């Protein structure tokens, strides 16, 4: 595919975009796969922007390690609605990786991915809401997100949902 793109074979770029956006695993060498990522990222494909961002953060496949560039490309993919990038940004901010310390950004990106049905983001959002300190705790939102994630069969989400319910019941449902 790379040779076809380099040789301007009609339809090669369109095919490469389609294959990359479908997540097809290319059995190509390191330089060729980096070329494909570059081509797809230049075409503004969210999956490629996400991949390029991760490669910058990890300093792999010929990319110099760069937090600034990595976060830039992850944000570009996330802003296009790419759930994997949104989830990854949520994880970065929640765990304060790469010097990123913004709890509100973690909520924001997990929320974006959770709304697309990403069960991991739903679970993490539930966990974060449930573990807020004191009065800030939002057990209703925590339960709702945990229940959505649990409905997919995610065992940790089922456990969290049950724990939240046990803590929610006396506070919200006791009529005595």
C-alpha atoms as a PDB file:
ATOM      1  CA  UNK A   1       0.000   0.000   0.000  1.00  0.00           C
ATOM      2  CA  UNK A   2       2.814   2.409   0.893  1.00  0.00           C
ATOM      3  CA  UNK A   3       4.495   1.810  -2.479  1.00  0.00           C
ATOM      4  CA  UNK A   4       1.166   2.325  -4.235  1.00  0.00           C
ATOM      5  CA  UNK A   5       0.640   5.614  -2.383  1.00  0.00           C
ATOM      6  CA  UNK A   6       4.204   6.730  -3.173  1.00  0.00           C
ATOM      7  CA  UNK A   7       3.664   5.827  -6.847  1.00  0.00           C
ATOM      8  CA  UNK A   8       0.341   7.698  -7.015  1.00  0.00           C
ATOM      9  CA  UNK A   9      -1.608   4.569  -7.956  1.00  0.00           C
ATOM     10  CA  UNK A  10      -5.247   5.627  -8.387  1.00  0.00           C
ATOM     11  CA  UNK A  11      -7.352   4.712  -5.363  1.00  0.00           C
ATOM     12  CA  UNK A  12      -4.380   3.729  -3.149  1.00  0.00           C
ATOM     13  CA  UNK A  13      -4.826   6.619  -0.741  1.00  0.00           C
ATOM     14  CA  UNK A  14      -8.558   5.981  -0.494  1.00  0.00           C
ATOM     15  CA  UNK A  15      -7.931   2.282   0.205  1.00  0.00           C
ATOM     16  CA  UNK A  16      -5.276   3.089   2.828  1.00  0.00           C
ATOM     17  CA  UNK A  17      -7.642   5.512   4.577  1.00  0.00           C
ATOM     18  CA  UNK A  18     -10.429   2.946   4.600  1.00  0.00           C
ATOM     19  CA  UNK A  19      -8.190   0.152   5.888  1.00  0.00           C
ATOM     20  CA  UNK A  20      -6.661   2.353   8.572  1.00  0.00           C
ATOM     21  CA  UNK A  21     -10.022   3.654   9.746  1.00  0.00           C
ATOM     22  CA  UNK A  22     -11.262   0.044  10.029  1.00  0.00           C
ATOM     23  CA  UNK A  23      -8.291  -0.831  12.249  1.00  0.00           C
ATOM     24  CA  UNK A  24      -6.781  -3.321   9.811  1.00  0.00           C
ATOM     25  CA  UNK A  25      -3.437  -4.569  11.141  1.00  0.00           C
ATOM     26  CA  UNK A  26      -0.811  -3.963   8.483  1.00  0.00           C
ATOM     27  CA  UNK A  27       1.988  -6.500   8.278  1.00  0.00           C
ATOM     28  CA  UNK A  28       4.571  -3.937   7.240  1.00  0.00           C
ATOM     29  CA  UNK A  29       7.966  -2.954   8.541  1.00  0.00           C
ATOM     30  CA  UNK A  30       8.544  -0.256  11.132  1.00  0.00           C
ATOM     31  CA  UNK A  31       9.248   2.508   8.604  1.00  0.00           C
ATOM     32  CA  UNK A  32       6.295   1.550   6.433  1.00  0.00           C
ATOM     33  CA  UNK A  33       3.873   1.479   9.372  1.00  0.00           C
ATOM     34  CA  UNK A  34       5.161   4.873  10.530  1.00  0.00           C
ATOM     35  CA  UNK A  35       4.634   6.186   6.986  1.00  0.00           C
ATOM     36  CA  UNK A  36       1.093   4.877   7.013  1.00  0.00           C
ATOM     37  CA  UNK A  37       0.381   6.535  10.375  1.00  0.00           C
ATOM     38  CA  UNK A  38       1.786   9.796   9.024  1.00  0.00           C
ATOM     39  CA  UNK A  39      -0.288   9.589   5.866  1.00  0.00           C
ATOM     40  CA  UNK A  40      -3.481   8.764   7.762  1.00  0.00           C
ATOM     41  CA  UNK A  41      -2.808  11.476  10.377  1.00  0.00           C
ATOM     42  CA  UNK A  42      -2.297  14.026   7.594  1.00  0.00           C
ATOM     43  CA  UNK A  43      -5.700  12.902   6.321  1.00  0.00           C
ATOM     44  CA  UNK A  44      -7.094  13.802   9.771  1.00  0.00           C
ATOM     45  CA  UNK A  45      -8.327  10.272  10.547  1.00  0.00           C
ATOM     46  CA  UNK A  46      -9.070  10.074  14.285  1.00  0.00           C
ATOM     47  CA  UNK A  47      -7.611   6.566  14.663  1.00  0.00           C
ATOM     48  CA  UNK A  48      -4.356   7.730  13.087  1.00  0.00           C
ATOM     49  CA  UNK A  49      -4.210  10.899  15.180  1.00  0.00           C
ATOM     50  CA  UNK A  50      -4.710   8.737  18.279  1.00  0.00           C
ATOM     51  CA  UNK A  51      -1.981   6.312  17.174  1.00  0.00           C
ATOM     52  CA  UNK A  52       0.407   9.155  16.398  1.00  0.00           C
ATOM     53  CA  UNK A  53      -0.275  10.716  19.799  1.00  0.00           C
ATOM     54  CA  UNK A  54       0.489   7.455  21.596  1.00  0.00           C
ATOM     55  CA  UNK A  55       3.662   6.965  19.550  1.00  0.00           C
ATOM     56  CA  UNK A  56       4.867  10.435  20.580  1.00  0.00           C
ATOM     57  CA  UNK A  57       4.048   9.809  24.238  1.00  0.00           C
ATOM     58  CA  UNK A  58       5.846   6.459  24.203  1.00  0.00           C
ATOM     59  CA  UNK A  59       8.692   7.480  21.888  1.00  0.00           C
ATOM     60  CA  UNK A  60       8.205   4.435  19.629  1.00  0.00           C
ATOM     61  CA  UNK A  61       8.554   3.586  15.906  1.00  0.00           C
ATOM     62  CA  UNK A  62      10.872   6.451  15.129  1.00  0.00           C
ATOM     63  CA  UNK A  63       8.917   9.132  16.996  1.00  0.00           C
ATOM     64  CA  UNK A  64      10.889  11.216  19.462  1.00  0.00           C
ATOM     65  CA  UNK A  65       9.252  11.136  22.877  1.00  0.00           C
ATOM     66  CA  UNK A  66       7.213  14.321  23.219  1.00  0.00           C
ATOM     67  CA  UNK A  67       4.430  14.848  25.743  1.00  0.00           C
ATOM     68  CA  UNK A  68       3.386  18.089  24.054  1.00  0.00           C
ATOM     69  CA  UNK A  69       3.056  16.496  20.602  1.00  0.00           C
ATOM     70  CA  UNK A  70       1.464  13.356  22.016  1.00  0.00           C
ATOM     71  CA  UNK A  71      -1.203  15.274  23.907  1.00  0.00           C
ATOM     72  CA  UNK A  72      -1.800  17.482  20.875  1.00  0.00           C
ATOM     73  CA  UNK A  73      -2.624  14.527  18.608  1.00  0.00           C
ATOM     74  CA  UNK A  74      -4.655  12.737  21.272  1.00  0.00           C
ATOM     75  CA  UNK A  75      -6.733  15.887  21.748  1.00  0.00           C
ATOM     76  CA  UNK A  76      -7.287  16.205  17.995  1.00  0.00           C
ATOM     77  CA  UNK A  77      -8.629  12.638  17.865  1.00  0.00           C
ATOM     78  CA  UNK A  78     -10.696  13.050  21.047  1.00  0.00           C
ATOM     79  CA  UNK A  79     -12.298  16.266  19.797  1.00  0.00           C
ATOM     80  CA  UNK A  80     -13.464  14.351  16.716  1.00  0.00           C
ATOM     81  CA  UNK A  81     -15.344  11.982  19.038  1.00  0.00           C
ATOM     82  CA  UNK A  82     -12.854   9.109  18.927  1.00  0.00           C
ATOM     83  CA  UNK A  83     -13.728   7.186  22.107  1.00  0.00           C
ATOM     84  CA  UNK A  84     -10.344   5.462  22.461  1.00  0.00           C
ATOM     85  CA  UNK A  85      -8.594   8.840  22.548  1.00  0.00           C
ATOM     86  CA  UNK A  86     -11.167  10.215  24.971  1.00  0.00           C
ATOM     87  CA  UNK A  87     -10.725   7.203  27.267  1.00  0.00           C
ATOM     88  CA  UNK A  88      -6.932   7.437  27.047  1.00  0.00           C
ATOM     89  CA  UNK A  89      -6.988  11.142  27.913  1.00  0.00           C
ATOM     90  CA  UNK A  90      -9.283  10.353  30.863  1.00  0.00           C
ATOM     91  CA  UNK A  91      -6.754   7.781  32.069  1.00  0.00           C
ATOM     92  CA  UNK A  92      -3.851  10.202  31.640  1.00  0.00           C
ATOM     93  CA  UNK A  93      -5.577  12.924  33.653  1.00  0.00           C
ATOM     94  CA  UNK A  94      -7.017  10.598  36.298  1.00  0.00           C
ATOM     95  CA  UNK A  95      -3.638   8.979  36.944  1.00  0.00           C
ATOM     96  CA  UNK A  96      -1.672  12.217  36.523  1.00  0.00           C
ATOM     97  CA  UNK A  97       0.542  10.724  33.818  1.00  0.00           C
ATOM     98  CA  UNK A  98       2.991  12.788  31.775  1.00  0.00           C
ATOM     99  CA  UNK A  99       2.648  15.653  34.256  1.00  0.00           C
ATOM    100  CA  UNK A 100      -1.055  16.120  33.488  1.00  0.00           C
ATOM    101  CA  UNK A 101      -2.867  17.107  36.680  1.00  0.00           C
ATOM    102  CA  UNK A 102      -6.442  18.098  35.923  1.00  0.00           C
ATOM    103  CA  UNK A 103      -9.219  16.108  37.584  1.00  0.00           C
ATOM    104  CA  UNK A 104     -11.892  18.037  35.684  1.00  0.00           C
ATOM    105  CA  UNK A 105     -10.265  17.010  32.397  1.00  0.00           C
ATOM    106  CA  UNK A 106     -10.429  13.360  33.512  1.00  0.00           C
ATOM    107  CA  UNK A 107     -14.165  13.720  34.160  1.00  0.00           C
ATOM    108  CA  UNK A 108     -14.660  15.521  30.868  1.00  0.00           C
ATOM    109  CA  UNK A 109     -12.920  12.928  28.698  1.00  0.00           C
ATOM    110  CA  UNK A 110     -14.395   9.941  30.521  1.00  0.00           C
ATOM    111  CA  UNK A 111     -17.830  11.536  30.169  1.00  0.00           C
ATOM    112  CA  UNK A 112     -17.345  12.007  26.427  1.00  0.00           C
ATOM    113  CA  UNK A 113     -16.291   8.381  25.924  1.00  0.00           C
ATOM    114  CA  UNK A 114     -18.921   7.058  28.352  1.00  0.00           C
ATOM    115  CA  UNK A 115     -21.671   8.753  26.370  1.00  0.00           C
ATOM    116  CA  UNK A 116     -20.612   6.786  23.284  1.00  0.00           C
ATOM    117  CA  UNK A 117     -21.029   3.533  25.233  1.00  0.00           C
ATOM    118  CA  UNK A 118     -17.406   2.964  26.252  1.00  0.00           C
ATOM    119  CA  UNK A 119     -17.837   0.630  29.223  1.00  0.00           C
ATOM    120  CA  UNK A 120     -14.403   1.277  30.733  1.00  0.00           C
ATOM    121  CA  UNK A 121     -15.072   5.026  30.765  1.00  0.00           C
ATOM    122  CA  UNK A 122     -18.514   4.449  32.263  1.00  0.00           C
ATOM    123  CA  UNK A 123     -16.897   2.363  35.004  1.00  0.00           C
ATOM    124  CA  UNK A 124     -14.131   4.886  35.738  1.00  0.00           C
ATOM    125  CA  UNK A 125     -16.622   7.760  35.766  1.00  0.00           C
ATOM    126  CA  UNK A 126     -18.787   5.847  38.259  1.00  0.00           C
ATOM    127  CA  UNK A 127     -15.738   5.131  40.404  1.00  0.00           C
ATOM    128  CA  UNK A 128     -14.666   8.765  40.394  1.00  0.00           C
ATOM    129  CA  UNK A 129     -18.157  10.055  41.254  1.00  0.00           C
ATOM    130  CA  UNK A 130     -18.496   7.536  44.070  1.00  0.00           C
ATOM    131  CA  UNK A 131     -15.097   8.360  45.547  1.00  0.00           C
ATOM    132  CA  UNK A 132     -15.401  12.116  45.648  1.00  0.00           C
ATOM    133  CA  UNK A 133     -14.732  13.433  49.158  1.00  0.00           C
ATOM    134  CA  UNK A 134     -17.605  14.129  51.583  1.00  0.00           C
ATOM    135  CA  UNK A 135     -20.453  16.295  50.336  1.00  0.00           C
ATOM    136  CA  UNK A 136     -19.128  16.304  46.772  1.00  0.00           C
ATOM    137  CA  UNK A 137     -19.877  12.595  46.395  1.00  0.00           C
ATOM    138  CA  UNK A 138     -22.450  12.006  43.662  1.00  0.00           C
ATOM    139  CA  UNK A 139     -23.880   8.569  44.377  1.00  0.00           C
ATOM    140  CA  UNK A 140     -26.776   8.845  41.950  1.00  0.00           C
ATOM    141  CA  UNK A 141     -24.496   9.589  38.980  1.00  0.00           C
ATOM    142  CA  UNK A 142     -22.057   6.967  40.206  1.00  0.00           C
ATOM    143  CA  UNK A 143     -24.811   4.354  40.330  1.00  0.00           C
ATOM    144  CA  UNK A 144     -26.148   5.295  36.888  1.00  0.00           C
ATOM    145  CA  UNK A 145     -22.745   5.003  35.206  1.00  0.00           C
ATOM    146  CA  UNK A 146     -21.852   1.809  37.073  1.00  0.00           C
ATOM    147  CA  UNK A 147     -25.176   0.289  36.083  1.00  0.00           C
ATOM    148  CA  UNK A 148     -24.573   1.107  32.406  1.00  0.00           C
ATOM    149  CA  UNK A 149     -21.118  -0.460  32.499  1.00  0.00           C
ATOM    150  CA  UNK A 150     -22.436  -3.466  34.432  1.00  0.00           C
ATOM    151  CA  UNK A 151     -25.131  -4.037  31.812  1.00  0.00           C
ATOM    152  CA  UNK A 152     -22.340  -5.043  29.402  1.00  0.00           C
ATOM    153  CA  UNK A 153     -21.236  -7.816  31.755  1.00  0.00           C
ATOM    154  CA  UNK A 154     -18.206  -5.982  33.124  1.00  0.00           C
ATOM    155  CA  UNK A 155     -17.623  -7.714  36.460  1.00  0.00           C
ATOM    156  CA  UNK A 156     -15.802  -4.856  38.253  1.00  0.00           C
ATOM    157  CA  UNK A 157     -18.663  -2.541  37.255  1.00  0.00           C
ATOM    158  CA  UNK A 158     -21.197  -5.002  38.661  1.00  0.00           C
ATOM    159  CA  UNK A 159     -19.285  -5.075  41.955  1.00  0.00           C
ATOM    160  CA  UNK A 160     -19.059  -1.283  42.044  1.00  0.00           C
ATOM    161  CA  UNK A 161     -22.757  -0.900  41.207  1.00  0.00           C
ATOM    162  CA  UNK A 162     -23.668  -3.229  44.081  1.00  0.00           C
ATOM    163  CA  UNK A 163     -21.388  -1.380  46.489  1.00  0.00           C
ATOM    164  CA  UNK A 164     -22.884   1.964  45.469  1.00  0.00           C
ATOM    165  CA  UNK A 165     -26.410   0.570  45.853  1.00  0.00           C
ATOM    166  CA  UNK A 166     -25.596  -0.656  49.366  1.00  0.00           C
ATOM    167  CA  UNK A 167     -24.390   2.850  50.240  1.00  0.00           C
ATOM    168  CA  UNK A 168     -27.216   4.556  48.409  1.00  0.00           C
ATOM    169  CA  UNK A 169     -30.175   2.647  49.814  1.00  0.00           C
ATOM    170  CA  UNK A 170     -30.160   3.840  53.429  1.00  0.00           C
ATOM    171  CA  UNK A 171     -29.523   7.438  52.461  1.00  0.00           C
ATOM    172  CA  UNK A 172     -31.992   7.780  49.618  1.00  0.00           C
ATOM    173  CA  UNK A 173     -34.657   5.091  50.050  1.00  0.00           C
ATOM    174  CA  UNK A 174     -35.234   4.694  53.785  1.00  0.00           C
ATOM    175  CA  UNK A 175     -38.748   6.026  54.453  1.00  0.00           C
ATOM    176  CA  UNK A 176     -38.625   5.744  58.301  1.00  0.00           C
END
